[in-house]
Amino acid sequence: MTVAILGYALSVVLAGYANNVALDEASRNLSSAVSHAEFVLEDIRNTSFGSVAGNITSGNWNWNTSTVTTKGLTALNSESIAAASSGTNPLDITVTVTWNDVHGRSRSRVIKTTISG
């Protein structure tokens, strides 16, 4: 009887630990995604205002996993980044980061800002 109770208690502890590890990775991925979106926004802010909308339309800030890596960032699993804009002056900018999380579940994070020239 004691062995059964101990076995059950250990399985509960192990399941809790495994869940915490998965949550930790999901949290780390979310932080990375926000950081990557901020990286793109900073790159956009460092571009002359007159060129921003055209560069967004041309897809200059639509990145896949390999582009993220070439920018010196550690890419997430199947990561892609897309930038979009609306308006003229001010220009509303939306950066969306999409990736696959721990169990292959698709996740995304959207960051928005407004710039004017």
PDB file of N, CA and C in Angstrom:
ATOM      1  N   MET A   1       0.813  -1.185   0.000  1.00  0.00           N
ATOM      2  CA  MET A   1       0.000   0.000   0.000  1.00  0.00           C
ATOM      3  C   MET A   1       0.866   1.262   0.000  1.00  0.00           C
ATOM      4  N   THR A   2       1.920   1.268   0.792  1.00  0.00           N
ATOM      5  CA  THR A   2       2.823   2.410   0.868  1.00  0.00           C
ATOM      6  C   THR A   2       3.480   2.672  -0.474  1.00  0.00           C
ATOM      7  N   VAL A   3       3.887   1.618  -1.160  1.00  0.00           N
ATOM      8  CA  VAL A   3       4.532   1.761  -2.463  1.00  0.00           C
ATOM      9  C   VAL A   3       3.559   2.372  -3.471  1.00  0.00           C
ATOM     10  N   ALA A   4       2.303   1.987  -3.434  1.00  0.00           N
ATOM     11  CA  ALA A   4       1.301   2.532  -4.349  1.00  0.00           C
ATOM     12  C   ALA A   4       1.091   4.026  -4.102  1.00  0.00           C
ATOM     13  N   ILE A   5       1.013   4.410  -2.834  1.00  0.00           N
ATOM     14  CA  ILE A   5       0.833   5.827  -2.499  1.00  0.00           C
ATOM     15  C   ILE A   5       2.051   6.631  -2.921  1.00  0.00           C
ATOM     16  N   LEU A   6       3.240   6.108  -2.656  1.00  0.00           N
ATOM     17  CA  LEU A   6       4.476   6.781  -3.044  1.00  0.00           C
ATOM     18  C   LEU A   6       4.567   6.901  -4.567  1.00  0.00           C
ATOM     19  N   GLY A   7       4.203   5.829  -5.268  1.00  0.00           N
ATOM     20  CA  GLY A   7       4.223   5.864  -6.733  1.00  0.00           C
ATOM     21  C   GLY A   7       3.272   6.909  -7.287  1.00  0.00           C
ATOM     22  N   TYR A   8       2.080   7.001  -6.715  1.00  0.00           N
ATOM     23  CA  TYR A   8       1.106   7.998  -7.145  1.00  0.00           C
ATOM     24  C   TYR A   8       1.631   9.409  -6.868  1.00  0.00           C
ATOM     25  N   ALA A   9       2.169   9.635  -5.682  1.00  0.00           N
ATOM     26  CA  ALA A   9       2.686  10.952  -5.307  1.00  0.00           C
ATOM     27  C   ALA A   9       3.821  11.370  -6.237  1.00  0.00           C
ATOM     28  N   LEU A  10       4.716  10.448  -6.560  1.00  0.00           N
ATOM     29  CA  LEU A  10       5.832  10.763  -7.461  1.00  0.00           C
ATOM     30  C   LEU A  10       5.337  11.061  -8.875  1.00  0.00           C
ATOM     31  N   SER A  11       4.312  10.347  -9.317  1.00  0.00           N
ATOM     32  CA  SER A  11       3.792  10.613 -10.663  1.00  0.00           C
ATOM     33  C   SER A  11       3.147  12.000 -10.740  1.00  0.00           C
ATOM     34  N   VAL A  12       2.480  12.422  -9.664  1.00  0.00           N
ATOM     35  CA  VAL A  12       1.879  13.757  -9.630  1.00  0.00           C
ATOM     36  C   VAL A  12       2.977  14.819  -9.657  1.00  0.00           C
ATOM     37  N   VAL A  13       4.025  14.628  -8.881  1.00  0.00           N
ATOM     38  CA  VAL A  13       5.136  15.580  -8.843  1.00  0.00           C
ATOM     39  C   VAL A  13       5.813  15.644 -10.209  1.00  0.00           C
ATOM     40  N   LEU A  14       6.045  14.508 -10.834  1.00  0.00           N
ATOM     41  CA  LEU A  14       6.697  14.462 -12.137  1.00  0.00           C
ATOM     42  C   LEU A  14       5.838  15.146 -13.209  1.00  0.00           C
ATOM     43  N   ALA A  15       4.536  14.920 -13.181  1.00  0.00           N
ATOM     44  CA  ALA A  15       3.642  15.567 -14.135  1.00  0.00           C
ATOM     45  C   ALA A  15       3.655  17.077 -13.944  1.00  0.00           C
ATOM     46  N   GLY A  16       3.667  17.528 -12.716  1.00  0.00           N
ATOM     47  CA  GLY A  16       3.737  18.960 -12.427  1.00  0.00           C
ATOM     48  C   GLY A  16       5.037  19.563 -12.918  1.00  0.00           C
ATOM     49  N   TYR A  17       6.125  18.850 -12.734  1.00  0.00           N
ATOM     50  CA  TYR A  17       7.429  19.319 -13.204  1.00  0.00           C
ATOM     51  C   TYR A  17       7.441  19.434 -14.724  1.00  0.00           C
ATOM     52  N   ALA A  18       6.939  18.418 -15.412  1.00  0.00           N
ATOM     53  CA  ALA A  18       6.896  18.443 -16.875  1.00  0.00           C
ATOM     54  C   ALA A  18       6.042  19.608 -17.373  1.00  0.00           C
ATOM     55  N   ASN A  19       4.935  19.875 -16.713  1.00  0.00           N
ATOM     56  CA  ASN A  19       4.081  20.998 -17.081  1.00  0.00           C
ATOM     57  C   ASN A  19       4.811  22.325 -16.882  1.00  0.00           C
ATOM     58  N   ASN A  20       5.540  22.459 -15.792  1.00  0.00           N
ATOM     59  CA  ASN A  20       6.290  23.688 -15.531  1.00  0.00           C
ATOM     60  C   ASN A  20       7.379  23.913 -16.567  1.00  0.00           C
ATOM     61  N   VAL A  21       8.034  22.855 -17.011  1.00  0.00           N
ATOM     62  CA  VAL A  21       9.063  22.972 -18.045  1.00  0.00           C
ATOM     63  C   VAL A  21       8.430  23.480 -19.344  1.00  0.00           C
ATOM     64  N   ALA A  22       7.270  22.931 -19.716  1.00  0.00           N
ATOM     65  CA  ALA A  22       6.578  23.365 -20.933  1.00  0.00           C
ATOM     66  C   ALA A  22       6.141  24.828 -20.819  1.00  0.00           C
ATOM     67  N   LEU A  23       5.625  25.229 -19.658  1.00  0.00           N
ATOM     68  CA  LEU A  23       5.216  26.621 -19.453  1.00  0.00           C
ATOM     69  C   LEU A  23       6.410  27.571 -19.502  1.00  0.00           C
ATOM     70  N   ASP A  24       7.547  27.129 -18.974  1.00  0.00           N
ATOM     71  CA  ASP A  24       8.756  27.937 -19.007  1.00  0.00           C
ATOM     72  C   ASP A  24       9.192  28.180 -20.448  1.00  0.00           C
ATOM     73  N   GLU A  25       9.168  27.139 -21.265  1.00  0.00           N
ATOM     74  CA  GLU A  25       9.562  27.290 -22.668  1.00  0.00           C
ATOM     75  C   GLU A  25       8.575  28.191 -23.411  1.00  0.00           C
ATOM     76  N   ALA A  26       7.293  28.038 -23.146  1.00  0.00           N
ATOM     77  CA  ALA A  26       6.289  28.885 -23.793  1.00  0.00           C
ATOM     78  C   ALA A  26       6.500  30.353 -23.416  1.00  0.00           C
ATOM     79  N   SER A  27       6.816  30.606 -22.169  1.00  0.00           N
ATOM     80  CA  SER A  27       7.073  31.968 -21.713  1.00  0.00           C
ATOM     81  C   SER A  27       8.327  32.540 -22.367  1.00  0.00           C
ATOM     82  N   ARG A  28       9.361  31.739 -22.465  1.00  0.00           N
ATOM     83  CA  ARG A  28      10.607  32.171 -23.106  1.00  0.00           C
ATOM     84  C   ARG A  28      10.363  32.481 -24.587  1.00  0.00           C
ATOM     85  N   ASN A  29       9.571  31.638 -25.268  1.00  0.00           N
ATOM     86  CA  ASN A  29       9.251  31.877 -26.675  1.00  0.00           C
ATOM     87  C   ASN A  29       8.469  33.172 -26.848  1.00  0.00           C
ATOM     88  N   LEU A  30       7.519  33.431 -25.963  1.00  0.00           N
ATOM     89  CA  LEU A  30       6.733  34.659 -26.040  1.00  0.00           C
ATOM     90  C   LEU A  30       7.632  35.882 -25.856  1.00  0.00           C
ATOM     91  N   SER A  31       8.548  35.816 -24.904  1.00  0.00           N
ATOM     92  CA  SER A  31       9.483  36.923 -24.691  1.00  0.00           C
ATOM     93  C   SER A  31      10.364  37.137 -25.918  1.00  0.00           C
ATOM     94  N   SER A  32      10.815  36.059 -26.531  1.00  0.00           N
ATOM     95  CA  SER A  32      11.630  36.172 -27.748  1.00  0.00           C
ATOM     96  C   SER A  32      10.827  36.784 -28.882  1.00  0.00           C
ATOM     97  N   ALA A  33       9.575  36.373 -29.033  1.00  0.00           N
ATOM     98  CA  ALA A  33       8.728  36.899 -30.103  1.00  0.00           C
ATOM     99  C   ALA A  33       8.530  38.406 -29.944  1.00  0.00           C
ATOM    100  N   VAL A  34       8.268  38.854 -28.735  1.00  0.00           N
ATOM    101  CA  VAL A  34       8.101  40.293 -28.484  1.00  0.00           C
ATOM    102  C   VAL A  34       9.406  41.020 -28.781  1.00  0.00           C
ATOM    103  N   SER A  35      10.515  40.447 -28.380  1.00  0.00           N
ATOM    104  CA  SER A  35      11.820  41.045 -28.644  1.00  0.00           C
ATOM    105  C   SER A  35      12.081  41.152 -30.150  1.00  0.00           C
ATOM    106  N   HIS A  36      11.715  40.130 -30.911  1.00  0.00           N
ATOM    107  CA  HIS A  36      11.912  40.154 -32.358  1.00  0.00           C
ATOM    108  C   HIS A  36      11.020  41.217 -33.006  1.00  0.00           C
ATOM    109  N   ALA A  37       9.793  41.348 -32.525  1.00  0.00           N
ATOM    110  CA  ALA A  37       8.897  42.389 -33.053  1.00  0.00           C
ATOM    111  C   ALA A  37       9.463  43.774 -32.757  1.00  0.00           C
ATOM    112  N   GLU A  38       9.999  43.959 -31.566  1.00  0.00           N
ATOM    113  CA  GLU A  38      10.604  45.241 -31.206  1.00  0.00           C
ATOM    114  C   GLU A  38      11.843  45.520 -32.057  1.00  0.00           C
ATOM    115  N   PHE A  39      12.591  44.479 -32.390  1.00  0.00           N
ATOM    116  CA  PHE A  39      13.761  44.615 -33.264  1.00  0.00           C
ATOM    117  C   PHE A  39      13.325  45.151 -34.628  1.00  0.00           C
ATOM    118  N   VAL A  40      12.243  44.576 -35.180  1.00  0.00           N
ATOM    119  CA  VAL A  40      11.720  45.023 -36.478  1.00  0.00           C
ATOM    120  C   VAL A  40      11.228  46.459 -36.380  1.00  0.00           C
ATOM    121  N   LEU A  41      10.497  46.786 -35.320  1.00  0.00           N
ATOM    122  CA  LEU A  41      10.004  48.149 -35.151  1.00  0.00           C
ATOM    123  C   LEU A  41      11.151  49.150 -35.054  1.00  0.00           C
ATOM    124  N   GLU A  42      12.212  48.774 -34.377  1.00  0.00           N
ATOM    125  CA  GLU A  42      13.374  49.662 -34.270  1.00  0.00           C
ATOM    126  C   GLU A  42      14.014  49.856 -35.642  1.00  0.00           C
ATOM    127  N   ASP A  43      14.085  48.783 -36.435  1.00  0.00           N
ATOM    128  CA  ASP A  43      14.614  48.888 -37.792  1.00  0.00           C
ATOM    129  C   ASP A  43      13.737  49.819 -38.631  1.00  0.00           C
ATOM    130  N   ILE A  44      12.431  49.721 -38.460  1.00  0.00           N
ATOM    131  CA  ILE A  44      11.500  50.600 -39.176  1.00  0.00           C
ATOM    132  C   ILE A  44      11.702  52.049 -38.725  1.00  0.00           C
ATOM    133  N   ARG A  45      11.858  52.269 -37.436  1.00  0.00           N
ATOM    134  CA  ARG A  45      12.053  53.635 -36.914  1.00  0.00           C
ATOM    135  C   ARG A  45      13.348  54.258 -37.436  1.00  0.00           C
ATOM    136  N   ASN A  46      14.344  53.427 -37.747  1.00  0.00           N
ATOM    137  CA  ASN A  46      15.625  53.918 -38.246  1.00  0.00           C
ATOM    138  C   ASN A  46      15.620  54.139 -39.759  1.00  0.00           C
ATOM    139  N   THR A  47      14.466  53.975 -40.380  1.00  0.00           N
ATOM    140  CA  THR A  47      14.306  54.198 -41.816  1.00  0.00           C
ATOM    141  C   THR A  47      13.627  55.553 -42.003  1.00  0.00           C
ATOM    142  N   SER A  48      14.023  56.270 -43.049  1.00  0.00           N
ATOM    143  CA  SER A  48      13.397  57.579 -43.278  1.00  0.00           C
ATOM    144  C   SER A  48      11.897  57.394 -43.458  1.00  0.00           C
ATOM    145  N   PHE A  49      11.130  58.317 -42.894  1.00  0.00           N
ATOM    146  CA  PHE A  49       9.676  58.195 -42.884  1.00  0.00           C
ATOM    147  C   PHE A  49       9.110  58.020 -44.284  1.00  0.00           C
ATOM    148  N   GLY A  50       9.647  58.735 -45.257  1.00  0.00           N
ATOM    149  CA  GLY A  50       9.139  58.664 -46.620  1.00  0.00           C
ATOM    150  C   GLY A  50       9.297  57.290 -47.258  1.00  0.00           C
ATOM    151  N   SER A  51      10.208  56.477 -46.749  1.00  0.00           N
ATOM    152  CA  SER A  51      10.467  55.146 -47.323  1.00  0.00           C
ATOM    153  C   SER A  51       9.742  54.017 -46.601  1.00  0.00           C
ATOM    154  N   VAL A  52       9.219  54.281 -45.416  1.00  0.00           N
ATOM    155  CA  VAL A  52       8.678  53.208 -44.580  1.00  0.00           C
ATOM    156  C   VAL A  52       7.529  52.476 -45.255  1.00  0.00           C
ATOM    157  N   ALA A  53       6.506  53.197 -45.685  1.00  0.00           N
ATOM    158  CA  ALA A  53       5.325  52.550 -46.272  1.00  0.00           C
ATOM    159  C   ALA A  53       5.698  51.729 -47.497  1.00  0.00           C
ATOM    160  N   GLY A  54       6.535  52.270 -48.367  1.00  0.00           N
ATOM    161  CA  GLY A  54       6.963  51.533 -49.561  1.00  0.00           C
ATOM    162  C   GLY A  54       7.756  50.280 -49.218  1.00  0.00           C
ATOM    163  N   ASN A  55       8.624  50.394 -48.220  1.00  0.00           N
ATOM    164  CA  ASN A  55       9.410  49.225 -47.805  1.00  0.00           C
ATOM    165  C   ASN A  55       8.525  48.144 -47.187  1.00  0.00           C
ATOM    166  N   ILE A  56       7.510  48.560 -46.444  1.00  0.00           N
ATOM    167  CA  ILE A  56       6.585  47.584 -45.870  1.00  0.00           C
ATOM    168  C   ILE A  56       5.811  46.892 -46.990  1.00  0.00           C
ATOM    169  N   THR A  57       5.311  47.681 -47.954  1.00  0.00           N
ATOM    170  CA  THR A  57       4.583  47.111 -49.088  1.00  0.00           C
ATOM    171  C   THR A  57       5.473  46.158 -49.882  1.00  0.00           C
ATOM    172  N   SER A  58       6.760  46.477 -50.008  1.00  0.00           N
ATOM    173  CA  SER A  58       7.700  45.623 -50.739  1.00  0.00           C
ATOM    174  C   SER A  58       8.072  44.363 -49.966  1.00  0.00           C
ATOM    175  N   GLY A  59       7.695  44.295 -48.701  1.00  0.00           N
ATOM    176  CA  GLY A  59       7.994  43.107 -47.897  1.00  0.00           C
ATOM    177  C   GLY A  59       9.365  43.107 -47.251  1.00  0.00           C
ATOM    178  N   ASN A  60       9.979  44.296 -47.117  1.00  0.00           N
ATOM    179  CA  ASN A  60      11.312  44.366 -46.503  1.00  0.00           C
ATOM    180  C   ASN A  60      11.345  43.826 -45.082  1.00  0.00           C
ATOM    181  N   TRP A  61      10.227  43.890 -44.373  1.00  0.00           N
ATOM    182  CA  TRP A  61      10.184  43.407 -42.996  1.00  0.00           C
ATOM    183  C   TRP A  61       9.300  42.178 -42.845  1.00  0.00           C
ATOM    184  N   ASN A  62       9.112  41.446 -43.926  1.00  0.00           N
ATOM    185  CA  ASN A  62       8.445  40.141 -43.871  1.00  0.00           C
ATOM    186  C   ASN A  62       9.546  39.085 -43.875  1.00  0.00           C
ATOM    187  N   TRP A  63       9.816  38.537 -42.711  1.00  0.00           N
ATOM    188  CA  TRP A  63      10.962  37.647 -42.537  1.00  0.00           C
ATOM    189  C   TRP A  63      10.512  36.234 -42.233  1.00  0.00           C
ATOM    190  N   ASN A  64      11.296  35.262 -42.727  1.00  0.00           N
ATOM    191  CA  ASN A  64      11.097  33.863 -42.355  1.00  0.00           C
ATOM    192  C   ASN A  64      12.187  33.484 -41.354  1.00  0.00           C
ATOM    193  N   THR A  65      12.226  32.225 -40.983  1.00  0.00           N
ATOM    194  CA  THR A  65      13.174  31.758 -39.958  1.00  0.00           C
ATOM    195  C   THR A  65      14.620  32.058 -40.343  1.00  0.00           C
ATOM    196  N   SER A  66      14.987  31.823 -41.594  1.00  0.00           N
ATOM    197  CA  SER A  66      16.383  32.043 -41.992  1.00  0.00           C
ATOM    198  C   SER A  66      16.734  33.532 -41.982  1.00  0.00           C
ATOM    199  N   THR A  67      15.803  34.398 -42.350  1.00  0.00           N
ATOM    200  CA  THR A  67      16.067  35.834 -42.305  1.00  0.00           C
ATOM    201  C   THR A  67      16.238  36.300 -40.867  1.00  0.00           C
ATOM    202  N   VAL A  68      15.423  35.782 -39.967  1.00  0.00           N
ATOM    203  CA  VAL A  68      15.558  36.129 -38.548  1.00  0.00           C
ATOM    204  C   VAL A  68      16.956  35.762 -38.062  1.00  0.00           C
ATOM    205  N   THR A  69      17.425  34.598 -38.453  1.00  0.00           N
ATOM    206  CA  THR A  69      18.758  34.136 -38.045  1.00  0.00           C
ATOM    207  C   THR A  69      19.853  35.027 -38.623  1.00  0.00           C
ATOM    208  N   THR A  70      19.718  35.423 -39.898  1.00  0.00           N
ATOM    209  CA  THR A  70      20.747  36.277 -40.507  1.00  0.00           C
ATOM    210  C   THR A  70      20.798  37.658 -39.866  1.00  0.00           C
ATOM    211  N   LYS A  71      19.732  38.070 -39.204  1.00  0.00           N
ATOM    212  CA  LYS A  71      19.721  39.356 -38.497  1.00  0.00           C
ATOM    213  C   LYS A  71      20.397  39.250 -37.129  1.00  0.00           C
ATOM    214  N   GLY A  72      20.908  38.058 -36.795  1.00  0.00           N
ATOM    215  CA  GLY A  72      21.603  37.867 -35.524  1.00  0.00           C
ATOM    216  C   GLY A  72      20.702  37.467 -34.374  1.00  0.00           C
ATOM    217  N   LEU A  73      19.459  37.099 -34.673  1.00  0.00           N
ATOM    218  CA  LEU A  73      18.513  36.694 -33.633  1.00  0.00           C
ATOM    219  C   LEU A  73      18.402  35.169 -33.627  1.00  0.00           C
ATOM    220  N   THR A  74      18.017  34.613 -32.506  1.00  0.00           N
ATOM    221  CA  THR A  74      17.766  33.180 -32.410  1.00  0.00           C
ATOM    222  C   THR A  74      16.313  32.941 -32.782  1.00  0.00           C
ATOM    223  N   ALA A  75      16.105  32.296 -33.932  1.00  0.00           N
ATOM    224  CA  ALA A  75      14.751  32.113 -34.447  1.00  0.00           C
ATOM    225  C   ALA A  75      13.982  31.081 -33.634  1.00  0.00           C
ATOM    226  N   LEU A  76      12.699  31.313 -33.530  1.00  0.00           N
ATOM    227  CA  LEU A  76      11.795  30.354 -32.899  1.00  0.00           C
ATOM    228  C   LEU A  76      11.432  29.279 -33.923  1.00  0.00           C
ATOM    229  N   ASN A  77      10.785  28.227 -33.476  1.00  0.00           N
ATOM    230  CA  ASN A  77      10.383  27.132 -34.353  1.00  0.00           C
ATOM    231  C   ASN A  77       9.388  27.628 -35.400  1.00  0.00           C
ATOM    232  N   SER A  78       9.759  27.537 -36.669  1.00  0.00           N
ATOM    233  CA  SER A  78       8.913  27.959 -37.796  1.00  0.00           C
ATOM    234  C   SER A  78       8.474  29.413 -37.673  1.00  0.00           C
ATOM    235  N   GLU A  79       9.367  30.264 -37.251  1.00  0.00           N
ATOM    236  CA  GLU A  79       9.033  31.671 -37.031  1.00  0.00           C
ATOM    237  C   GLU A  79       8.893  32.439 -38.340  1.00  0.00           C
ATOM    238  N   SER A  80       7.923  33.336 -38.372  1.00  0.00           N
ATOM    239  CA  SER A  80       7.801  34.299 -39.462  1.00  0.00           C
ATOM    240  C   SER A  80       7.365  35.632 -38.864  1.00  0.00           C
ATOM    241  N   ILE A  81       7.808  36.694 -39.509  1.00  0.00           N
ATOM    242  CA  ILE A  81       7.480  38.038 -39.061  1.00  0.00           C
ATOM    243  C   ILE A  81       6.898  38.786 -40.253  1.00  0.00           C
ATOM    244  N   ALA A  82       5.790  39.469 -40.033  1.00  0.00           N
ATOM    245  CA  ALA A  82       5.149  40.246 -41.091  1.00  0.00           C
ATOM    246  C   ALA A  82       4.844  41.640 -40.584  1.00  0.00           C
ATOM    247  N   ALA A  83       5.178  42.634 -41.398  1.00  0.00           N
ATOM    248  CA  ALA A  83       4.886  44.024 -41.066  1.00  0.00           C
ATOM    249  C   ALA A  83       3.812  44.543 -42.015  1.00  0.00           C
ATOM    250  N   ALA A  84       2.913  45.343 -41.483  1.00  0.00           N
ATOM    251  CA  ALA A  84       1.856  45.955 -42.287  1.00  0.00           C
ATOM    252  C   ALA A  84       1.686  47.397 -41.829  1.00  0.00           C
ATOM    253  N   SER A  85       1.156  48.228 -42.716  1.00  0.00           N
ATOM    254  CA  SER A  85       0.932  49.624 -42.348  1.00  0.00           C
ATOM    255  C   SER A  85      -0.395  50.099 -42.906  1.00  0.00           C
ATOM    256  N   SER A  86      -0.910  51.140 -42.285  1.00  0.00           N
ATOM    257  CA  SER A  86      -2.120  51.784 -42.777  1.00  0.00           C
ATOM    258  C   SER A  86      -2.022  53.264 -42.459  1.00  0.00           C
ATOM    259  N   GLY A  87      -2.773  54.040 -43.193  1.00  0.00           N
ATOM    260  CA  GLY A  87      -2.722  55.484 -43.004  1.00  0.00           C
ATOM    261  C   GLY A  87      -1.589  56.087 -43.814  1.00  0.00           C
ATOM    262  N   THR A  88      -1.441  57.400 -43.668  1.00  0.00           N
ATOM    263  CA  THR A  88      -0.373  58.085 -44.392  1.00  0.00           C
ATOM    264  C   THR A  88       0.540  58.841 -43.431  1.00  0.00           C
ATOM    265  N   ASN A  89       0.005  59.801 -42.723  1.00  0.00           N
ATOM    266  CA  ASN A  89       0.803  60.523 -41.740  1.00  0.00           C
ATOM    267  C   ASN A  89      -0.143  61.014 -40.643  1.00  0.00           C
ATOM    268  N   PRO A  90      -0.203  60.335 -39.541  1.00  0.00           N
ATOM    269  CA  PRO A  90       0.714  59.304 -39.061  1.00  0.00           C
ATOM    270  C   PRO A  90       0.473  57.942 -39.730  1.00  0.00           C
ATOM    271  N   LEU A  91       1.484  57.124 -39.649  1.00  0.00           N
ATOM    272  CA  LEU A  91       1.464  55.789 -40.236  1.00  0.00           C
ATOM    273  C   LEU A  91       1.306  54.772 -39.109  1.00  0.00           C
ATOM    274  N   ASP A  92       0.242  53.982 -39.164  1.00  0.00           N
ATOM    275  CA  ASP A  92       0.016  52.932 -38.168  1.00  0.00           C
ATOM    276  C   ASP A  92       0.731  51.670 -38.635  1.00  0.00           C
ATOM    277  N   ILE A  93       1.595  51.147 -37.805  1.00  0.00           N
ATOM    278  CA  ILE A  93       2.404  49.978 -38.171  1.00  0.00           C
ATOM    279  C   ILE A  93       2.064  48.822 -37.248  1.00  0.00           C
ATOM    280  N   THR A  94       1.891  47.648 -37.854  1.00  0.00           N
ATOM    281  CA  THR A  94       1.608  46.419 -37.119  1.00  0.00           C
ATOM    282  C   THR A  94       2.668  45.383 -37.486  1.00  0.00           C
ATOM    283  N   VAL A  95       3.300  44.805 -36.479  1.00  0.00           N
ATOM    284  CA  VAL A  95       4.268  43.720 -36.693  1.00  0.00           C
ATOM    285  C   VAL A  95       3.709  42.479 -36.019  1.00  0.00           C
ATOM    286  N   THR A  96       3.583  41.405 -36.792  1.00  0.00           N
ATOM    287  CA  THR A  96       3.049  40.146 -36.284  1.00  0.00           C
ATOM    288  C   THR A  96       4.129  39.078 -36.355  1.00  0.00           C
ATOM    289  N   VAL A  97       4.399  38.459 -35.220  1.00  0.00           N
ATOM    290  CA  VAL A  97       5.355  37.347 -35.149  1.00  0.00           C
ATOM    291  C   VAL A  97       4.554  36.073 -34.938  1.00  0.00           C
ATOM    292  N   THR A  98       4.796  35.071 -35.786  1.00  0.00           N
ATOM    293  CA  THR A  98       4.109  33.786 -35.702  1.00  0.00           C
ATOM    294  C   THR A  98       5.151  32.686 -35.568  1.00  0.00           C
ATOM    295  N   TRP A  99       4.870  31.698 -34.711  1.00  0.00           N
ATOM    296  CA  TRP A  99       5.786  30.581 -34.507  1.00  0.00           C
ATOM    297  C   TRP A  99       5.002  29.379 -34.013  1.00  0.00           C
ATOM    298  N   ASN A 100       5.660  28.212 -34.011  1.00  0.00           N
ATOM    299  CA  ASN A 100       5.069  27.001 -33.442  1.00  0.00           C
ATOM    300  C   ASN A 100       5.638  26.799 -32.055  1.00  0.00           C
ATOM    301  N   ASP A 101       4.754  26.577 -31.093  1.00  0.00           N
ATOM    302  CA  ASP A 101       5.168  26.450 -29.701  1.00  0.00           C
ATOM    303  C   ASP A 101       5.565  25.018 -29.362  1.00  0.00           C
ATOM    304  N   VAL A 102       5.666  24.745 -28.100  1.00  0.00           N
ATOM    305  CA  VAL A 102       6.201  23.499 -27.557  1.00  0.00           C
ATOM    306  C   VAL A 102       5.626  22.248 -28.221  1.00  0.00           C
ATOM    307  N   HIS A 103       4.333  22.179 -28.340  1.00  0.00           N
ATOM    308  CA  HIS A 103       3.702  20.981 -28.893  1.00  0.00           C
ATOM    309  C   HIS A 103       3.249  21.190 -30.337  1.00  0.00           C
ATOM    310  N   GLY A 104       3.880  22.119 -31.053  1.00  0.00           N
ATOM    311  CA  GLY A 104       3.547  22.377 -32.439  1.00  0.00           C
ATOM    312  C   GLY A 104       2.355  23.291 -32.622  1.00  0.00           C
ATOM    313  N   ARG A 105       1.832  23.816 -31.537  1.00  0.00           N
ATOM    314  CA  ARG A 105       0.679  24.720 -31.600  1.00  0.00           C
ATOM    315  C   ARG A 105       1.127  26.061 -32.171  1.00  0.00           C
ATOM    316  N   SER A 106       0.368  26.577 -33.125  1.00  0.00           N
ATOM    317  CA  SER A 106       0.691  27.860 -33.733  1.00  0.00           C
ATOM    318  C   SER A 106       0.377  28.994 -32.763  1.00  0.00           C
ATOM    319  N   ARG A 107       1.331  29.885 -32.586  1.00  0.00           N
ATOM    320  CA  ARG A 107       1.180  31.037 -31.694  1.00  0.00           C
ATOM    321  C   ARG A 107       1.534  32.296 -32.462  1.00  0.00           C
ATOM    322  N   SER A 108       1.044  33.427 -32.009  1.00  0.00           N
ATOM    323  CA  SER A 108       1.424  34.692 -32.629  1.00  0.00           C
ATOM    324  C   SER A 108       1.333  35.816 -31.605  1.00  0.00           C
ATOM    325  N   ARG A 109       2.043  36.875 -31.896  1.00  0.00           N
ATOM    326  CA  ARG A 109       2.029  38.070 -31.053  1.00  0.00           C
ATOM    327  C   ARG A 109       2.048  39.275 -31.974  1.00  0.00           C
ATOM    328  N   VAL A 110       1.192  40.244 -31.705  1.00  0.00           N
ATOM    329  CA  VAL A 110       1.072  41.442 -32.521  1.00  0.00           C
ATOM    330  C   VAL A 110       1.523  42.647 -31.705  1.00  0.00           C
ATOM    331  N   ILE A 111       2.376  43.463 -32.300  1.00  0.00           N
ATOM    332  CA  ILE A 111       2.837  44.707 -31.688  1.00  0.00           C
ATOM    333  C   ILE A 111       2.492  45.838 -32.657  1.00  0.00           C
ATOM    334  N   LYS A 112       1.898  46.914 -32.135  1.00  0.00           N
ATOM    335  CA  LYS A 112       1.491  48.039 -32.976  1.00  0.00           C
ATOM    336  C   LYS A 112       2.128  49.323 -32.472  1.00  0.00           C
ATOM    337  N   THR A 113       2.368  50.224 -33.420  1.00  0.00           N
ATOM    338  CA  THR A 113       2.870  51.547 -33.077  1.00  0.00           C
ATOM    339  C   THR A 113       2.412  52.528 -34.155  1.00  0.00           C
ATOM    340  N   THR A 114       2.607  53.792 -33.879  1.00  0.00           N
ATOM    341  CA  THR A 114       2.296  54.843 -34.832  1.00  0.00           C
ATOM    342  C   THR A 114       3.522  55.735 -34.966  1.00  0.00           C
ATOM    343  N   ILE A 115       3.873  56.058 -36.214  1.00  0.00           N
ATOM    344  CA  ILE A 115       4.984  56.984 -36.442  1.00  0.00           C
ATOM    345  C   ILE A 115       4.502  58.085 -37.387  1.00  0.00           C
ATOM    346  N   SER A 116       5.152  59.210 -37.302  1.00  0.00           N
ATOM    347  CA  SER A 116       4.808  60.314 -38.199  1.00  0.00           C
ATOM    348  C   SER A 116       6.100  60.958 -38.703  1.00  0.00           C
ATOM    349  N   GLY A 117       5.966  61.625 -39.794  1.00  0.00           N
ATOM    350  CA  GLY A 117       7.135  62.230 -40.386  1.00  0.00           C
ATOM    351  C   GLY A 117       6.986  63.706 -40.612  1.00  0.00           C
TER     352      GLY A 117
END
